[in-house]
N, C-alpha and C. Protein backbone atom coordinates (compact mmCIF):
# COMPACT_ATOMS: atom_id res chain seq x y z
N ILE A 1 0.56 -1.12 -0.26
CA ILE A 1 0.28 0.51 -0.25
C ILE A 1 0.82 1.64 0.23
N LEU A 2 1.72 0.87 0.54
CA LEU A 2 2.71 2.42 0.97
C LEU A 2 3.59 2.71 -0.08
N PHE A 3 4.19 1.55 -0.58
CA PHE A 3 5.32 1.63 -1.53
C PHE A 3 5.74 0.14 -2.10
N ASP A 4 5.64 0.06 -3.49
CA ASP A 4 5.72 -1.47 -4.47
C ASP A 4 6.14 -1.01 -5.58
N MET A 5 7.16 -1.74 -5.99
CA MET A 5 7.51 -1.28 -7.14
C MET A 5 7.11 -1.67 -8.18
N ASP A 6 6.31 -3.05 -8.27
CA ASP A 6 5.25 -3.29 -8.91
C ASP A 6 4.25 -2.71 -9.42
N LEU A 7 3.93 -2.12 -8.88
CA LEU A 7 2.37 -1.06 -8.28
C LEU A 7 2.96 -0.01 -8.19
N TRP A 8 3.94 0.77 -8.55
CA TRP A 8 4.55 2.09 -8.40
C TRP A 8 3.28 3.19 -8.66
N ALA A 9 3.08 3.98 -8.22
CA ALA A 9 2.06 5.08 -8.59
C ALA A 9 3.23 6.32 -7.90
N PRO A 10 2.44 7.76 -8.24
CA PRO A 10 2.80 8.99 -7.60
C PRO A 10 2.34 9.00 -6.25
N PRO A 11 2.61 9.71 -5.35
CA PRO A 11 2.15 9.98 -4.15
C PRO A 11 0.50 10.22 -3.64
N GLU A 12 0.05 11.24 -4.72
CA GLU A 12 -0.95 11.59 -4.61
C GLU A 12 -2.24 10.72 -4.95
N GLU A 13 -1.48 9.59 -5.99
CA GLU A 13 -2.71 8.85 -6.94
C GLU A 13 -3.27 7.97 -5.50
N ASN A 14 -4.47 7.41 -5.31
CA ASN A 14 -5.02 6.73 -4.61
C ASN A 14 -5.01 5.09 -4.92
N SER A 15 -3.60 4.85 -4.99
CA SER A 15 -4.20 3.16 -5.26
C SER A 15 -4.10 2.63 -4.17
N LEU A 16 -4.77 2.77 -3.42
CA LEU A 16 -5.56 2.08 -2.33
C LEU A 16 -6.88 1.66 -2.87
N GLU A 17 -7.54 2.66 -3.42
CA GLU A 17 -8.88 2.22 -4.21
C GLU A 17 -8.25 1.38 -5.31
N ARG A 18 -7.27 1.91 -5.92
CA ARG A 18 -7.13 1.12 -7.32
C ARG A 18 -6.89 -0.70 -6.68
N MET A 19 -6.12 -0.98 -5.82
CA MET A 19 -5.51 -2.27 -5.44
C MET A 19 -7.06 -2.93 -4.90
N CYS A 20 -7.51 -2.17 -4.27
CA CYS A 20 -9.30 -2.77 -3.78
C CYS A 20 -10.30 -3.75 -4.78
N SER A 21 -10.13 -2.31 -5.91
CA SER A 21 -10.94 -2.75 -6.94
C SER A 21 -10.79 -3.18 -8.01
N ALA A 22 -9.33 -3.42 -7.88
CA ALA A 22 -8.56 -3.93 -9.29
C ALA A 22 -9.66 -5.71 -9.43
N THR A 23 -9.49 -6.06 -10.64
CA THR A 23 -10.09 -7.00 -11.14
C THR A 23 -9.52 -8.53 -11.07
N ALA A 24 -8.12 -8.08 -11.00
CA ALA A 24 -6.57 -8.78 -11.54
C ALA A 24 -5.99 -8.65 -9.73
N PRO A 25 -5.63 -9.77 -9.16
CA PRO A 25 -5.21 -9.88 -7.93
C PRO A 25 -3.94 -8.66 -7.74
N GLU A 26 -3.91 -7.42 -7.74
CA GLU A 26 -2.62 -6.41 -7.57
C GLU A 26 -2.37 -6.75 -6.12
N ALA A 27 -3.11 -6.98 -5.17
CA ALA A 27 -2.82 -6.49 -3.82
C ALA A 27 -3.54 -7.93 -3.24
N PRO A 28 -3.22 -9.18 -3.28
CA PRO A 28 -4.33 -10.16 -2.56
C PRO A 28 -4.61 -9.72 -1.14
N TYR A 29 -5.90 -10.22 -0.85
CA TYR A 29 -6.33 -9.94 0.48
C TYR A 29 -6.44 -8.45 1.27
N LEU A 30 -6.08 -7.49 0.62
CA LEU A 30 -6.38 -6.05 1.11
C LEU A 30 -7.79 -5.99 1.22
N PRO A 31 -8.44 -6.22 0.26
CA PRO A 31 -9.94 -6.08 0.53
C PRO A 31 -10.68 -6.50 1.19
N GLN A 32 -10.19 -8.25 1.65
CA GLN A 32 -10.88 -8.84 2.54
C GLN A 32 -10.31 -8.44 3.73
N LEU A 33 -9.19 -7.95 4.13
CA LEU A 33 -8.44 -7.49 5.43
C LEU A 33 -9.41 -6.27 5.97
N LEU A 34 -9.46 -5.31 4.77
CA LEU A 34 -10.27 -3.91 5.61
C LEU A 34 -11.87 -4.45 5.37
N ALA A 35 -12.26 -5.70 4.92
CA ALA A 35 -13.67 -5.93 5.35
C ALA A 35 -13.80 -6.59 6.57
N HIS A 36 -12.84 -7.30 7.19
CA HIS A 36 -13.19 -7.84 8.24
C HIS A 36 -13.12 -6.94 9.21
N PRO A 37 -14.24 -7.35 10.27
CA PRO A 37 -14.44 -6.50 11.29
C PRO A 37 -13.35 -6.46 12.41
N GLU A 38 -12.48 -7.58 12.64
CA GLU A 38 -11.95 -7.45 13.58
C GLU A 38 -10.29 -7.23 13.44
N LEU A 39 -9.82 -7.37 11.90
CA LEU A 39 -8.35 -7.34 11.23
C LEU A 39 -8.54 -6.18 11.04
N ASN A 40 -9.78 -5.35 10.34
CA ASN A 40 -9.15 -3.73 9.93
C ASN A 40 -9.12 -3.11 10.87
N PRO A 41 -9.30 -2.56 12.24
CA PRO A 41 -8.76 -1.70 13.12
C PRO A 41 -7.51 -2.06 13.07
N ARG A 42 -7.24 -3.31 13.04
CA ARG A 42 -5.59 -3.55 13.57
C ARG A 42 -4.57 -3.36 12.54
N LEU A 43 -5.22 -3.79 11.18
CA LEU A 43 -4.16 -3.33 10.01
C LEU A 43 -3.94 -1.65 9.71
N ILE A 44 -5.05 -1.01 10.17
CA ILE A 44 -4.96 0.29 10.33
C ILE A 44 -4.35 0.99 11.19
N ALA A 45 -4.08 0.14 12.32
CA ALA A 45 -3.07 0.87 13.51
C ALA A 45 -1.73 0.61 12.95
N ARG A 46 -1.76 -0.55 12.66
CA ARG A 46 -0.57 -0.84 12.19
C ARG A 46 0.26 0.26 11.30
N LEU A 47 -0.63 0.27 10.46
CA LEU A 47 -0.13 1.23 9.27
C LEU A 47 0.12 2.41 9.88
N GLU A 48 -0.85 2.94 10.64
CA GLU A 48 -0.46 4.16 11.39
C GLU A 48 0.87 4.57 12.22
N ALA A 49 0.72 3.24 13.11
CA ALA A 49 2.01 3.24 13.65
C ALA A 49 3.38 3.27 12.84
N LEU A 50 3.20 2.86 11.57
CA LEU A 50 4.77 2.73 11.15
C LEU A 50 4.90 4.25 10.14
N LEU A 51 3.75 4.91 10.00
CA LEU A 51 3.67 5.66 9.43
C LEU A 51 4.28 7.24 10.61
N LEU A 52 4.09 6.62 11.74
CA LEU A 52 4.28 7.78 12.87
C LEU A 52 6.02 7.39 13.40
N THR A 53 6.51 6.32 13.08
CA THR A 53 7.69 6.24 13.37
C THR A 53 8.98 5.91 12.00
N VAL A 54 8.95 4.46 11.41
CA VAL A 54 10.06 4.43 10.66
C VAL A 54 10.25 4.88 9.24
N LEU A 55 8.30 4.80 9.21
CA LEU A 55 8.08 5.51 7.59
C LEU A 55 7.89 7.20 7.85
N HIS A 56 8.12 8.00 9.07
CA HIS A 56 7.57 9.51 9.11
C HIS A 56 8.62 9.91 8.66
N PRO A 57 8.64 10.95 7.60
CA PRO A 57 9.72 11.65 6.98
C PRO A 57 10.85 11.90 7.78
N ALA A 58 10.36 12.50 9.25
CA ALA A 58 11.61 12.55 10.16
C ALA A 58 12.57 11.64 10.09
N GLN A 59 12.19 10.10 9.74
CA GLN A 59 13.01 9.16 10.30
C GLN A 59 13.27 8.43 9.07
N ALA A 60 12.25 8.70 7.87
CA ALA A 60 12.68 8.10 6.35
C ALA A 60 13.53 8.90 5.80
N LEU A 61 13.67 9.95 5.83
CA LEU A 61 14.26 10.67 4.84
C LEU A 61 16.07 10.64 5.02
N PRO A 62 16.26 10.89 6.54
CA PRO A 62 17.19 10.64 6.92
C PRO A 62 17.95 9.44 6.45
N MET A 63 16.89 8.18 6.84
CA MET A 63 17.85 6.95 6.27
C MET A 63 17.84 6.89 4.71
N ALA A 64 17.13 7.61 3.71
CA ALA A 64 17.21 7.14 2.33
C ALA A 64 18.58 7.90 2.12
N ASP A 65 18.72 9.05 2.65
CA ASP A 65 19.85 9.81 2.33
C ASP A 65 21.23 9.24 2.63
N SER A 66 21.10 8.28 4.08
CA SER A 66 22.36 7.47 4.38
C SER A 66 22.43 6.37 3.41
N LEU A 67 21.60 5.93 2.84
CA LEU A 67 21.47 5.00 1.85
C LEU A 67 22.14 5.16 0.79
N TYR A 68 21.95 6.39 0.04
CA TYR A 68 22.18 7.23 -1.18
C TYR A 68 24.04 7.33 -0.89
N LYS A 69 24.04 8.01 0.53
CA LYS A 69 25.65 8.32 0.30
C LYS A 69 26.46 7.12 0.72
N VAL A 70 25.93 5.58 0.88
CA VAL A 70 26.79 4.88 0.87
C VAL A 70 27.02 3.87 -0.67
N HIS A 71 25.58 3.87 -1.36
CA HIS A 71 25.42 3.27 -2.55
C HIS A 71 25.37 4.14 -3.85
N GLY A 72 25.85 5.62 -3.42
CA GLY A 72 25.53 6.64 -4.37
C GLY A 72 26.67 6.49 -5.49
N PRO A 73 28.00 5.95 -5.23
CA PRO A 73 28.83 6.15 -6.53
C PRO A 73 28.65 4.65 -7.46
N ALA A 74 28.08 3.71 -6.73
CA ALA A 74 28.12 2.45 -7.60
C ALA A 74 26.57 2.84 -8.20
N LEU A 75 25.71 3.43 -7.71
CA LEU A 75 24.10 3.62 -8.72
C LEU A 75 25.07 4.44 -10.17
N MET A 76 25.58 5.68 -9.40
CA MET A 76 25.89 6.36 -10.26
C MET A 76 27.20 5.94 -11.89
N ALA A 77 27.61 4.56 -11.30
CA ALA A 77 28.62 3.72 -12.18
C ALA A 77 27.69 2.92 -12.59
N ASP A 78 26.89 2.25 -12.28
CA ASP A 78 26.00 1.92 -13.22
C ASP A 78 24.95 2.51 -13.86
N ASP A 79 24.57 3.51 -13.70
CA ASP A 79 23.71 4.68 -14.91
C ASP A 79 24.86 5.09 -15.97
N SER A 80 26.40 4.96 -15.54
CA SER A 80 27.03 5.18 -16.54
C SER A 80 27.30 3.95 -17.82
N LEU A 81 26.90 3.18 -16.97
CA LEU A 81 27.17 1.69 -17.76
C LEU A 81 26.16 1.58 -19.08
N TRP A 82 24.73 2.24 -18.50
CA TRP A 82 23.60 2.09 -19.14
C TRP A 82 23.28 3.10 -20.19
N GLN A 83 24.31 4.21 -20.22
CA GLN A 83 23.94 5.36 -20.97
C GLN A 83 23.86 5.20 -22.54
N GLY A 84 23.01 5.84 -23.05
CA GLY A 84 22.48 5.24 -24.37
C GLY A 84 21.96 3.73 -24.64
N ARG A 85 22.00 3.01 -23.83
CA ARG A 85 21.39 1.92 -23.82
C ARG A 85 19.75 1.32 -23.48
N LEU A 86 19.49 2.14 -22.39
CA LEU A 86 18.17 2.01 -21.71
C LEU A 86 17.82 3.28 -20.90
N GLN A 87 16.80 3.37 -21.66
CA GLN A 87 16.37 4.83 -20.87
C GLN A 87 15.73 4.72 -19.37
N ARG A 88 16.18 5.09 -18.86
CA ARG A 88 15.47 5.28 -17.21
C ARG A 88 16.34 6.52 -16.51
N PRO A 89 15.54 7.06 -15.47
CA PRO A 89 15.56 8.32 -14.44
C PRO A 89 17.16 8.27 -14.31
N ALA A 90 18.04 9.02 -13.75
CA ALA A 90 19.61 9.17 -13.41
C ALA A 90 19.14 9.00 -11.72
N PRO A 91 19.98 8.06 -11.35
CA PRO A 91 20.22 8.15 -9.53
C PRO A 91 19.49 9.63 -8.85
N THR A 92 20.25 10.54 -9.16
CA THR A 92 20.15 11.76 -8.55
C THR A 92 18.07 11.95 -8.69
N GLU A 93 17.51 11.76 -10.03
CA GLU A 93 16.33 12.31 -10.14
C GLU A 93 15.67 10.99 -9.19
N ASN A 94 16.00 9.88 -9.42
CA ASN A 94 15.25 8.85 -8.65
C ASN A 94 15.22 9.02 -7.13
N ARG A 95 16.34 9.59 -6.66
CA ARG A 95 16.33 10.08 -4.91
C ARG A 95 15.53 11.28 -4.73
N ALA A 96 15.47 12.11 -5.87
CA ALA A 96 14.61 12.99 -5.66
C ALA A 96 13.06 12.60 -5.55
N ALA A 97 12.75 11.74 -6.06
CA ALA A 97 11.41 11.23 -6.16
C ALA A 97 11.17 10.21 -5.51
N LEU A 98 11.97 9.91 -4.65
CA LEU A 98 11.76 8.87 -3.65
C LEU A 98 11.53 9.94 -2.51
N ASN A 99 12.37 10.84 -2.28
CA ASN A 99 12.40 11.87 -1.04
C ASN A 99 10.66 12.59 -1.26
N ALA A 100 10.13 12.70 -2.45
CA ALA A 100 9.16 13.57 -2.30
C ALA A 100 7.90 12.36 -1.96
N HIS A 101 8.60 11.05 -2.43
CA HIS A 101 7.25 10.21 -1.88
C HIS A 101 7.07 10.04 -0.47
N LEU A 102 8.48 9.75 -0.20
CA LEU A 102 8.39 10.00 1.66
C LEU A 102 7.75 11.11 2.06
N THR A 103 7.99 12.16 1.80
CA THR A 103 7.19 13.24 2.31
C THR A 103 5.68 13.35 2.10
N ASP A 104 5.28 13.05 1.10
CA ASP A 104 3.76 13.36 1.13
C ASP A 104 2.70 12.33 1.50
N ARG A 105 3.19 11.10 0.75
CA ARG A 105 2.74 9.75 1.01
C ARG A 105 1.79 9.35 2.35
N PRO A 106 2.81 10.02 3.35
CA PRO A 106 1.71 9.15 4.67
C PRO A 106 0.58 10.20 4.56
N GLU A 107 0.57 11.07 4.53
CA GLU A 107 -0.61 12.27 4.79
C GLU A 107 -2.12 11.90 3.76
N ALA A 108 -1.14 11.43 2.42
CA ALA A 108 -2.04 11.24 1.26
C ALA A 108 -2.79 9.56 1.62
N LEU A 109 -2.19 8.79 2.10
CA LEU A 109 -2.56 7.44 2.22
C LEU A 109 -3.56 7.61 3.19
N ILE A 110 -3.20 8.55 4.50
CA ILE A 110 -4.55 8.56 5.61
C ILE A 110 -5.63 9.29 4.93
N ARG A 111 -5.44 10.36 4.36
CA ARG A 111 -6.34 10.66 3.44
C ARG A 111 -7.43 9.37 2.61
N PHE A 112 -6.70 8.62 1.81
CA PHE A 112 -7.16 7.87 1.22
C PHE A 112 -8.02 6.45 1.72
N LEU A 113 -7.42 6.68 3.17
CA LEU A 113 -7.88 5.47 4.04
C LEU A 113 -9.47 6.00 4.52
N ALA A 114 -9.00 7.36 5.17
CA ALA A 114 -10.50 8.06 5.66
C ALA A 114 -11.75 7.85 4.42
N ASP A 115 -11.12 8.48 3.42
CA ASP A 115 -12.64 8.35 2.43
C ASP A 115 -12.95 7.00 2.24
N ARG A 116 -11.91 5.86 1.80
CA ARG A 116 -12.82 4.44 1.86
C ARG A 116 -13.36 4.03 3.13
N GLU A 117 -12.68 4.59 4.35
CA GLU A 117 -13.48 3.51 5.14
C GLU A 117 -14.28 4.45 6.17
N HIS A 118 -15.07 5.74 5.28
CA HIS A 118 -15.80 6.65 5.74
C HIS A 118 -15.42 6.89 7.18
N ARG A 119 -14.57 7.45 7.46
CA ARG A 119 -13.77 8.16 9.04
C ARG A 119 -13.38 9.52 8.86
N ARG A 120 -13.38 10.06 9.66
CA ARG A 120 -12.65 11.42 9.96
C ARG A 120 -11.19 11.26 10.19
N SER A 121 -10.15 11.87 9.75
CA SER A 121 -9.23 12.23 10.04
C SER A 121 -9.35 13.14 10.76
N ARG A 122 -8.34 13.32 12.39
CA ARG A 122 -8.13 14.55 12.95
C ARG A 122 -6.54 14.19 13.69
N GLU A 123 -5.43 15.24 13.40
CA GLU A 123 -4.30 15.48 13.70
C GLU A 123 -4.21 15.21 14.82
N VAL A 124 -3.67 14.72 15.34
CA VAL A 124 -2.73 14.19 16.69
C VAL A 124 -1.11 14.43 16.68
N THR A 125 -0.93 14.74 18.06
CA THR A 125 0.44 15.25 18.39
C THR A 125 0.41 14.15 19.56
N ILE A 126 1.69 13.80 19.69
CA ILE A 126 2.16 12.98 20.47
C ILE A 126 3.78 13.43 20.64
N GLU A 127 3.96 13.57 21.68
CA GLU A 127 5.38 13.71 22.48
C GLU A 127 5.81 12.63 23.53
N ALA A 128 7.21 12.72 22.71
CA ALA A 128 7.65 11.62 23.40
C ALA A 128 9.40 12.29 24.06
N PRO A 129 9.72 11.59 25.19
CA PRO A 129 10.78 12.30 25.68
C PRO A 129 11.98 11.97 24.90
N VAL A 130 13.13 12.44 25.69
CA VAL A 130 14.38 12.57 24.98
C VAL A 130 15.04 10.91 25.21
N ALA A 131 15.94 10.34 24.60
CA ALA A 131 16.10 8.80 24.75
C ALA A 131 16.88 8.65 26.30
N THR A 132 17.48 9.55 26.93
CA THR A 132 18.31 9.21 28.36
C THR A 132 16.80 9.19 29.18
N ALA A 133 15.48 9.76 29.16
CA ALA A 133 14.33 9.72 30.24
C ALA A 133 13.63 8.37 30.02
N GLY A 134 13.23 7.80 28.52
CA GLY A 134 12.94 6.94 28.27
C GLY A 134 12.42 6.43 26.89
N THR A 135 11.44 5.71 26.81
CA THR A 135 10.62 5.56 25.01
C THR A 135 9.50 5.21 24.91
N VAL A 136 8.71 5.84 23.88
CA VAL A 136 7.43 5.45 24.50
C VAL A 136 6.77 4.80 22.79
N LEU A 137 6.46 3.61 22.87
CA LEU A 137 6.18 2.71 22.25
C LEU A 137 4.52 2.79 21.63
N ILE A 138 4.85 2.81 20.26
CA ILE A 138 2.97 3.53 19.66
C ILE A 138 3.14 1.86 18.81
N GLU A 139 1.66 0.75 19.27
CA GLU A 139 1.77 -0.39 18.47
C GLU A 139 3.03 -1.00 18.31
N ASP A 140 3.92 -1.28 19.59
CA ASP A 140 5.08 -1.66 20.00
C ASP A 140 6.29 -1.13 19.05
N LEU A 141 5.94 -0.15 18.27
CA LEU A 141 7.25 0.76 17.55
C LEU A 141 7.66 1.74 18.36
N PRO A 142 8.95 1.81 18.32
CA PRO A 142 9.60 3.27 19.21
C PRO A 142 9.11 4.33 18.08
N LEU A 143 8.81 5.30 19.30
CA LEU A 143 8.43 6.76 18.69
C LEU A 143 10.35 7.49 18.81
N ALA A 144 10.09 8.53 17.85
CA ALA A 144 11.40 8.90 18.26
C ALA A 144 11.19 10.06 19.08
N ALA A 145 12.54 10.32 19.81
CA ALA A 145 12.15 11.57 20.79
C ALA A 145 11.78 12.73 20.20
N GLY A 146 10.81 13.68 20.86
CA GLY A 146 10.11 14.80 20.07
C GLY A 146 8.95 14.80 20.44
N VAL A 147 8.59 15.35 19.01
CA VAL A 147 7.09 15.64 18.79
C VAL A 147 6.87 15.20 17.41
N VAL A 148 5.94 14.54 17.02
CA VAL A 148 5.50 14.18 16.02
C VAL A 148 4.01 14.26 15.85
N ARG A 149 3.06 14.91 14.28
CA ARG A 149 2.01 15.26 14.26
C ARG A 149 1.90 14.47 13.12
N MET A 150 0.63 13.77 12.93
CA MET A 150 0.00 13.48 11.72
C MET A 150 -1.76 13.18 11.86
N PRO A 151 -2.17 13.33 10.60
CA PRO A 151 -3.90 12.84 10.62
C PRO A 151 -3.77 11.47 11.01
N LEU A 152 -4.61 11.11 11.95
CA LEU A 152 -4.82 9.55 12.21
C LEU A 152 -6.64 9.27 11.74
N LEU A 153 -6.98 8.49 11.81
CA LEU A 153 -8.52 8.04 11.59
C LEU A 153 -8.87 7.82 13.35
N GLY A 154 -10.18 8.18 13.12
CA GLY A 154 -10.99 8.41 14.12
C GLY A 154 -11.71 6.93 14.39
N GLY A 155 -11.71 6.61 15.77
CA GLY A 155 -12.56 5.12 15.77
C GLY A 155 -11.59 4.02 15.38
N ILE A 156 -10.17 4.23 15.29
CA ILE A 156 -9.17 2.99 15.31
C ILE A 156 -8.17 3.45 16.55
N PRO A 157 -8.35 2.64 17.92
CA PRO A 157 -7.12 2.53 19.04
C PRO A 157 -6.43 2.07 18.58
N LEU A 158 -5.22 3.05 19.20
CA LEU A 158 -3.92 2.90 19.12
C LEU A 158 -3.24 2.57 20.50
N ARG A 159 -2.58 1.59 20.70
CA ARG A 159 -1.82 1.50 21.68
C ARG A 159 -0.32 2.03 22.10
N LEU A 160 -0.09 2.86 23.19
CA LEU A 160 0.67 3.07 23.51
C LEU A 160 1.38 2.87 24.89
N HIS A 161 2.89 2.81 24.99
CA HIS A 161 3.47 2.13 25.99
C HIS A 161 4.30 3.35 26.32
N ALA A 162 4.61 3.44 27.58
CA ALA A 162 6.00 4.22 27.77
C ALA A 162 6.72 3.25 28.71
N VAL A 163 7.98 3.81 28.53
CA VAL A 163 9.20 2.61 28.91
C VAL A 163 10.46 3.58 29.53
N PRO A 164 10.46 3.53 30.72
CA PRO A 164 11.28 4.52 31.28
C PRO A 164 12.56 3.90 31.33
N ALA A 165 13.34 4.86 31.46
CA ALA A 165 15.10 4.55 30.80
C ALA A 165 15.78 4.35 32.39
N ALA A 166 16.97 3.65 32.67
CA ALA A 166 17.40 3.58 34.03
C ALA A 166 17.65 4.70 34.34
N GLY A 167 17.48 4.90 35.82
CA GLY A 167 17.01 6.30 36.62
C GLY A 167 16.19 7.02 36.50
N TRP A 168 15.57 6.74 35.92
CA TRP A 168 13.87 7.09 35.50
C TRP A 168 12.76 6.71 35.95
N THR A 169 11.89 7.19 35.99
CA THR A 169 10.35 6.61 36.53
C THR A 169 9.44 7.40 35.73
N PHE A 170 8.14 6.54 35.16
CA PHE A 170 7.25 7.13 34.28
C PHE A 170 6.32 7.80 35.69
N VAL A 171 5.75 8.83 35.32
CA VAL A 171 5.09 9.81 35.91
C VAL A 171 3.52 9.53 35.47
N GLY A 172 3.33 9.54 34.53
CA GLY A 172 2.06 9.70 33.66
C GLY A 172 1.37 10.11 32.52
N TRP A 173 0.59 10.15 32.12
CA TRP A 173 0.00 11.06 30.62
C TRP A 173 -0.31 12.38 30.75
N THR A 174 -0.26 12.81 29.97
CA THR A 174 -1.27 14.03 29.49
C THR A 174 -1.56 14.30 28.35
N GLY A 175 -3.18 14.45 28.30
CA GLY A 175 -3.78 13.99 27.15
C GLY A 175 -4.87 12.99 27.14
N VAL A 176 -4.63 11.71 27.63
CA VAL A 176 -5.32 10.77 27.69
C VAL A 176 -5.21 10.21 29.42
N GLU A 177 -6.77 9.73 29.36
CA GLU A 177 -6.79 8.86 30.77
C GLU A 177 -6.14 7.21 30.63
N ALA A 178 -5.48 7.20 31.57
CA ALA A 178 -4.95 6.10 31.65
C ALA A 178 -3.93 5.99 33.32
N ASP A 179 -4.03 4.96 34.11
CA ASP A 179 -3.92 4.75 35.24
C ASP A 179 -1.83 4.46 35.09
N GLY A 180 -1.65 3.48 33.99
CA GLY A 180 -0.10 3.15 34.17
C GLY A 180 0.48 3.47 32.97
N PRO A 181 1.62 2.73 32.53
CA PRO A 181 2.29 3.16 31.52
C PRO A 181 1.73 2.93 29.97
N GLU A 182 0.59 2.23 30.13
CA GLU A 182 -0.39 1.84 28.75
C GLU A 182 -1.25 2.49 28.56
N ALA A 183 -1.29 2.85 27.58
CA ALA A 183 -2.42 3.92 27.53
C ALA A 183 -2.83 3.28 25.52
N VAL A 184 -4.24 3.73 25.78
CA VAL A 184 -4.96 3.49 24.29
C VAL A 184 -5.72 4.95 23.95
N ILE A 185 -5.45 5.52 22.72
CA ILE A 185 -5.79 6.44 22.44
C ILE A 185 -6.81 6.36 20.82
N ASP A 186 -7.79 7.28 20.78
CA ASP A 186 -8.14 7.15 20.09
C ASP A 186 -8.56 8.53 19.08
N PRO A 187 -8.19 9.08 18.56
CA PRO A 187 -7.83 10.20 17.48
C PRO A 187 -9.16 11.03 17.62
N ALA A 188 -10.48 10.17 17.32
CA ALA A 188 -11.57 10.74 17.54
C ALA A 188 -11.91 11.60 18.97
N HIS A 189 -11.09 11.40 19.80
CA HIS A 189 -10.99 12.19 21.53
C HIS A 189 -10.04 12.28 21.53
N CYS A 190 -9.02 12.35 21.02
CA CYS A 190 -7.67 12.96 21.69
C CYS A 190 -7.42 13.70 20.54
N SER A 191 -6.19 14.82 21.01
CA SER A 191 -5.44 15.37 19.85
C SER A 191 -3.84 15.77 20.41
N ARG A 192 -3.62 15.36 21.61
CA ARG A 192 -2.06 15.69 21.69
C ARG A 192 -2.24 14.80 23.34
N VAL A 193 -1.10 14.42 22.94
CA VAL A 193 -0.60 12.90 24.37
C VAL A 193 0.73 13.23 24.37
N ARG A 194 1.22 12.91 25.89
CA ARG A 194 2.91 13.53 26.28
C ARG A 194 2.98 12.37 27.07
N ALA A 195 3.86 11.63 26.96
CA ALA A 195 4.30 10.97 28.14
C ALA A 195 5.26 11.70 29.15
N ARG A 196 4.94 11.71 30.41
CA ARG A 196 5.98 12.13 31.61
C ARG A 196 6.82 11.34 32.13
N PHE A 197 8.09 11.93 32.38
CA PHE A 197 8.86 11.11 33.22
C PHE A 197 9.49 11.79 34.22
N SER A 198 9.94 11.21 35.35
CA SER A 198 11.02 12.27 36.06
C SER A 198 12.39 11.24 36.62
N ARG A 199 13.25 11.95 36.97
CA ARG A 199 14.45 11.17 37.41
C ARG A 199 13.66 10.46 38.75
N SER A 200 14.58 9.12 38.69
CA SER A 200 14.03 8.41 40.33
C SER A 200 14.55 9.28 41.12
N GLY A 201 13.64 9.35 42.04
CA GLY A 201 14.16 9.85 43.63
C GLY A 201 14.14 11.72 43.47
N GLY A 202 13.51 12.14 42.43
CA GLY A 202 13.65 13.21 41.74
C GLY A 202 12.35 13.92 42.52
N SER A 203 12.05 15.42 41.67
CA SER A 203 11.40 16.39 42.03
C SER A 203 9.77 15.95 41.64
N GLY A 204 9.96 14.61 40.87
CA GLY A 204 8.76 14.64 40.01
C GLY A 204 8.56 15.20 38.88
N GLN A 205 9.27 16.06 38.35
CA GLN A 205 9.24 17.27 37.23
C GLN A 205 9.88 16.27 36.04
N ASP A 206 9.49 16.69 35.31
CA ASP A 206 10.16 16.05 33.86
C ASP A 206 10.37 17.17 32.94
N ASP A 207 11.24 16.91 31.83
CA ASP A 207 11.39 18.16 30.69
C ASP A 207 11.53 17.46 29.48
N LEU A 208 10.61 17.46 28.69
CA LEU A 208 10.93 16.96 27.28
C LEU A 208 12.19 17.22 26.61
N GLN A 209 12.47 18.49 26.71
CA GLN A 209 13.77 18.91 25.98
C GLN A 209 15.18 18.52 26.90
N GLN A 210 15.17 18.15 28.45
CA GLN A 210 16.12 17.83 28.75
C GLN A 210 17.19 17.07 27.98
């Protein structure tokens, strides 16, 4: 759904709808998964968690750049080898296209999902602590330290889990009602969430930017 070389499409194309309505099995089981009352919210929650973590532009763009720095010379050498024999974009063009896809695709995909599922999307802000204080997991995937924002589908619960680092204690949540380190948010009723940590034996105050 996010990116497939065999089903390549620009980030703004609704390939989700194309895959679900295709007569040929372009994406086997995707329509069935989305139609399943139990698996539907689990699939969407997992997809949103990926978009908030490893596939979020803040993480995906640096990863793509680091891969290009390592493999760029080999890509350029291969491009020179095929000059005049095969029409294809230069590595620099592919890099720019990939970066544009990583930047624009997440919110576009959420919009396509919202349309297909007849759900409203709402921008949600999640604040995670610096790594020295602890980690916030969303659907078991670690969020990067700092603030992440993205439209998410209402009615799709997402599991959060706060894990304090050594020497730190989880204090509580701001923006969602939960008694312990585990919380469940629904974007339909929650727009900003923060996990609070404090140094063990300290004042009980925390600082996201510490």
